[in-house]
Amino acid sequence: MKNKGYNLLKSRKFWAAVVAIVYCVIYQFWPDWPIPEETIVGVVATVVSYILGVALEDGLSKKNDIDFRGFGNQDKE
């Protein structure tokens, strides 16, 4: 059980979701926050896109045993 909690705290997706939730909660309780609503929607949409991209990357690399993080960084001969 300790391992799952530790892995959650190391997760990039988890922290991205926390940032998006914090933005939404702050705007909900402080509507005159100096950041416009369109900017908040943009940030949350970007975070959701990031989470989906990382999840897709993780899922595909586990399914095919491929590490996509180094893709495109090979030396060209």
N, C-alpha and C. Protein backbone atom coordinates (compact mmCIF):
# COMPACT_ATOMS: atom_id res chain seq x y z
N MET A 1 0.83 -1.19 0.00
CA MET A 1 0.00 0.00 0.00
C MET A 1 0.87 1.25 0.00
N LYS A 2 1.98 1.21 0.72
CA LYS A 2 2.86 2.37 0.77
C LYS A 2 3.43 2.68 -0.62
N ASN A 3 3.71 1.65 -1.39
CA ASN A 3 4.24 1.83 -2.74
C ASN A 3 3.28 2.58 -3.64
N LYS A 4 1.98 2.28 -3.54
CA LYS A 4 0.98 2.94 -4.39
C LYS A 4 0.91 4.43 -4.09
N GLY A 5 0.93 4.79 -2.82
CA GLY A 5 0.90 6.20 -2.44
C GLY A 5 2.14 6.94 -2.89
N TYR A 6 3.27 6.29 -2.78
CA TYR A 6 4.53 6.90 -3.21
C TYR A 6 4.54 7.08 -4.72
N ASN A 7 4.06 6.07 -5.44
CA ASN A 7 3.99 6.18 -6.89
C ASN A 7 3.03 7.27 -7.32
N LEU A 8 1.94 7.45 -6.59
CA LEU A 8 0.99 8.51 -6.91
C LEU A 8 1.64 9.88 -6.74
N LEU A 9 2.41 10.06 -5.68
CA LEU A 9 3.07 11.35 -5.45
C LEU A 9 4.16 11.63 -6.48
N LYS A 10 4.71 10.61 -7.10
CA LYS A 10 5.72 10.79 -8.14
C LYS A 10 5.10 10.99 -9.52
N SER A 11 3.80 10.78 -9.64
CA SER A 11 3.14 10.79 -10.94
C SER A 11 3.00 12.20 -11.50
N ARG A 12 3.42 12.38 -12.75
CA ARG A 12 3.27 13.67 -13.42
C ARG A 12 1.80 13.97 -13.68
N LYS A 13 1.04 12.94 -13.99
CA LYS A 13 -0.39 13.13 -14.25
C LYS A 13 -1.12 13.60 -13.00
N PHE A 14 -0.76 13.05 -11.85
CA PHE A 14 -1.40 13.44 -10.60
C PHE A 14 -1.16 14.91 -10.31
N TRP A 15 0.07 15.37 -10.41
CA TRP A 15 0.38 16.76 -10.09
C TRP A 15 -0.23 17.72 -11.10
N ALA A 16 -0.32 17.31 -12.36
CA ALA A 16 -0.98 18.15 -13.35
C ALA A 16 -2.47 18.28 -13.02
N ALA A 17 -3.09 17.19 -12.59
CA ALA A 17 -4.50 17.24 -12.20
C ALA A 17 -4.69 18.11 -10.96
N VAL A 18 -3.77 18.05 -10.01
CA VAL A 18 -3.86 18.89 -8.82
C VAL A 18 -3.80 20.37 -9.20
N VAL A 19 -2.92 20.73 -10.11
CA VAL A 19 -2.83 22.13 -10.56
C VAL A 19 -4.13 22.58 -11.20
N ALA A 20 -4.72 21.75 -12.05
CA ALA A 20 -5.98 22.10 -12.71
C ALA A 20 -7.10 22.26 -11.69
N ILE A 21 -7.16 21.37 -10.71
CA ILE A 21 -8.20 21.45 -9.68
C ILE A 21 -8.02 22.71 -8.84
N VAL A 22 -6.78 23.05 -8.50
CA VAL A 22 -6.52 24.26 -7.72
C VAL A 22 -6.98 25.49 -8.48
N TYR A 23 -6.69 25.56 -9.78
CA TYR A 23 -7.15 26.68 -10.59
C TYR A 23 -8.68 26.78 -10.54
N CYS A 24 -9.36 25.67 -10.72
CA CYS A 24 -10.83 25.68 -10.73
C CYS A 24 -11.40 26.08 -9.37
N VAL A 25 -10.84 25.57 -8.29
CA VAL A 25 -11.34 25.88 -6.96
C VAL A 25 -11.09 27.35 -6.62
N ILE A 26 -9.92 27.86 -6.95
CA ILE A 26 -9.64 29.28 -6.67
C ILE A 26 -10.63 30.16 -7.42
N TYR A 27 -10.87 29.86 -8.69
CA TYR A 27 -11.79 30.69 -9.46
C TYR A 27 -13.22 30.57 -8.94
N GLN A 28 -13.59 29.40 -8.44
CA GLN A 28 -14.94 29.20 -7.91
C GLN A 28 -15.18 30.05 -6.66
N PHE A 29 -14.19 30.11 -5.76
CA PHE A 29 -14.35 30.83 -4.51
C PHE A 29 -13.91 32.29 -4.58
N TRP A 30 -13.18 32.66 -5.62
CA TRP A 30 -12.70 34.02 -5.79
C TRP A 30 -12.92 34.45 -7.23
N PRO A 31 -14.19 34.74 -7.60
CA PRO A 31 -14.52 35.01 -9.00
C PRO A 31 -13.86 36.26 -9.58
N ASP A 32 -13.46 37.19 -8.73
CA ASP A 32 -12.79 38.38 -9.24
C ASP A 32 -11.26 38.23 -9.23
N TRP A 33 -10.82 36.99 -9.30
CA TRP A 33 -9.40 36.68 -9.38
C TRP A 33 -8.82 37.39 -10.60
N PRO A 34 -7.63 37.94 -10.52
CA PRO A 34 -7.12 38.78 -11.61
C PRO A 34 -6.81 38.04 -12.91
N ILE A 35 -6.93 36.75 -12.94
CA ILE A 35 -6.70 35.99 -14.17
C ILE A 35 -8.06 35.78 -14.85
N PRO A 36 -8.18 36.15 -16.12
CA PRO A 36 -9.48 36.01 -16.81
C PRO A 36 -9.92 34.56 -16.96
N GLU A 37 -11.23 34.37 -17.08
CA GLU A 37 -11.79 33.03 -17.19
C GLU A 37 -11.27 32.29 -18.42
N GLU A 38 -11.05 32.99 -19.52
CA GLU A 38 -10.55 32.34 -20.73
C GLU A 38 -9.16 31.74 -20.50
N THR A 39 -8.35 32.42 -19.72
CA THR A 39 -7.01 31.92 -19.41
C THR A 39 -7.09 30.67 -18.56
N ILE A 40 -7.99 30.66 -17.59
CA ILE A 40 -8.16 29.49 -16.73
C ILE A 40 -8.63 28.30 -17.55
N VAL A 41 -9.60 28.53 -18.44
CA VAL A 41 -10.09 27.45 -19.31
C VAL A 41 -8.94 26.93 -20.17
N GLY A 42 -8.11 27.83 -20.68
CA GLY A 42 -6.96 27.41 -21.49
C GLY A 42 -5.97 26.58 -20.70
N VAL A 43 -5.69 27.00 -19.47
CA VAL A 43 -4.75 26.25 -18.63
C VAL A 43 -5.30 24.86 -18.32
N VAL A 44 -6.57 24.79 -17.94
CA VAL A 44 -7.18 23.50 -17.61
C VAL A 44 -7.22 22.60 -18.84
N ALA A 45 -7.54 23.16 -20.01
CA ALA A 45 -7.56 22.36 -21.24
C ALA A 45 -6.16 21.85 -21.58
N THR A 46 -5.15 22.68 -21.36
CA THR A 46 -3.77 22.26 -21.62
C THR A 46 -3.36 21.14 -20.67
N VAL A 47 -3.74 21.26 -19.40
CA VAL A 47 -3.40 20.23 -18.41
C VAL A 47 -4.10 18.92 -18.75
N VAL A 48 -5.37 18.99 -19.16
CA VAL A 48 -6.09 17.77 -19.54
C VAL A 48 -5.43 17.13 -20.76
N SER A 49 -5.03 17.94 -21.73
CA SER A 49 -4.35 17.41 -22.91
C SER A 49 -3.03 16.75 -22.51
N TYR A 50 -2.31 17.36 -21.59
CA TYR A 50 -1.06 16.80 -21.11
C TYR A 50 -1.29 15.44 -20.43
N ILE A 51 -2.30 15.39 -19.58
CA ILE A 51 -2.60 14.14 -18.87
C ILE A 51 -2.95 13.04 -19.87
N LEU A 52 -3.78 13.36 -20.85
CA LEU A 52 -4.15 12.36 -21.86
C LEU A 52 -2.93 11.92 -22.67
N GLY A 53 -2.07 12.85 -23.02
CA GLY A 53 -0.87 12.51 -23.78
C GLY A 53 0.07 11.61 -23.00
N VAL A 54 0.30 11.92 -21.74
CA VAL A 54 1.17 11.09 -20.91
C VAL A 54 0.56 9.71 -20.70
N ALA A 55 -0.75 9.66 -20.50
CA ALA A 55 -1.42 8.36 -20.32
C ALA A 55 -1.31 7.53 -21.58
N LEU A 56 -1.47 8.16 -22.73
CA LEU A 56 -1.35 7.44 -24.00
C LEU A 56 0.08 6.94 -24.19
N GLU A 57 1.05 7.78 -23.90
CA GLU A 57 2.45 7.39 -24.00
C GLU A 57 2.76 6.21 -23.08
N ASP A 58 2.31 6.30 -21.83
CA ASP A 58 2.56 5.21 -20.88
C ASP A 58 1.88 3.92 -21.31
N GLY A 59 0.65 4.04 -21.77
CA GLY A 59 -0.08 2.85 -22.19
C GLY A 59 0.53 2.18 -23.40
N LEU A 60 0.92 2.97 -24.38
CA LEU A 60 1.53 2.39 -25.58
C LEU A 60 2.90 1.81 -25.31
N SER A 61 3.68 2.45 -24.46
CA SER A 61 5.02 1.93 -24.17
C SER A 61 4.94 0.62 -23.38
N LYS A 62 3.94 0.48 -22.52
CA LYS A 62 3.80 -0.77 -21.77
C LYS A 62 3.25 -1.88 -22.66
N LYS A 63 2.36 -1.51 -23.58
CA LYS A 63 1.76 -2.51 -24.46
C LYS A 63 2.79 -3.07 -25.43
N ASN A 64 3.61 -2.20 -26.01
CA ASN A 64 4.55 -2.62 -27.03
C ASN A 64 5.98 -2.72 -26.54
N ASP A 65 6.21 -2.47 -25.25
CA ASP A 65 7.56 -2.48 -24.68
C ASP A 65 8.48 -1.50 -25.39
N ILE A 66 7.97 -0.31 -25.70
CA ILE A 66 8.73 0.72 -26.39
C ILE A 66 8.81 1.95 -25.50
N ASP A 67 9.96 2.58 -25.48
CA ASP A 67 10.12 3.83 -24.74
C ASP A 67 10.10 4.98 -25.73
N PHE A 68 8.99 5.74 -25.75
CA PHE A 68 8.81 6.83 -26.70
C PHE A 68 9.53 8.10 -26.26
N ARG A 69 10.01 8.17 -25.04
CA ARG A 69 10.62 9.40 -24.54
C ARG A 69 11.91 9.75 -25.26
N GLY A 70 12.64 8.76 -25.76
CA GLY A 70 13.87 9.02 -26.49
C GLY A 70 13.67 9.05 -27.99
N PHE A 71 12.43 8.93 -28.42
CA PHE A 71 12.14 8.87 -29.86
C PHE A 71 12.49 10.19 -30.51
N GLY A 72 13.24 10.12 -31.60
CA GLY A 72 13.62 11.30 -32.33
C GLY A 72 14.92 11.93 -31.86
N ASN A 73 15.52 11.39 -30.82
CA ASN A 73 16.76 11.94 -30.29
C ASN A 73 17.99 11.14 -30.72
N GLN A 74 17.81 10.21 -31.66
CA GLN A 74 18.93 9.40 -32.11
C GLN A 74 19.83 10.24 -33.00
N ASP A 75 21.11 9.93 -32.95
CA ASP A 75 22.08 10.62 -33.83
C ASP A 75 21.85 10.16 -35.26
N LYS A 76 21.78 11.11 -36.17
CA LYS A 76 21.60 10.79 -37.58
C LYS A 76 22.96 10.62 -38.21
N GLU A 77 23.10 9.56 -38.98
CA GLU A 77 24.38 9.29 -39.61
C GLU A 77 24.34 9.62 -41.06
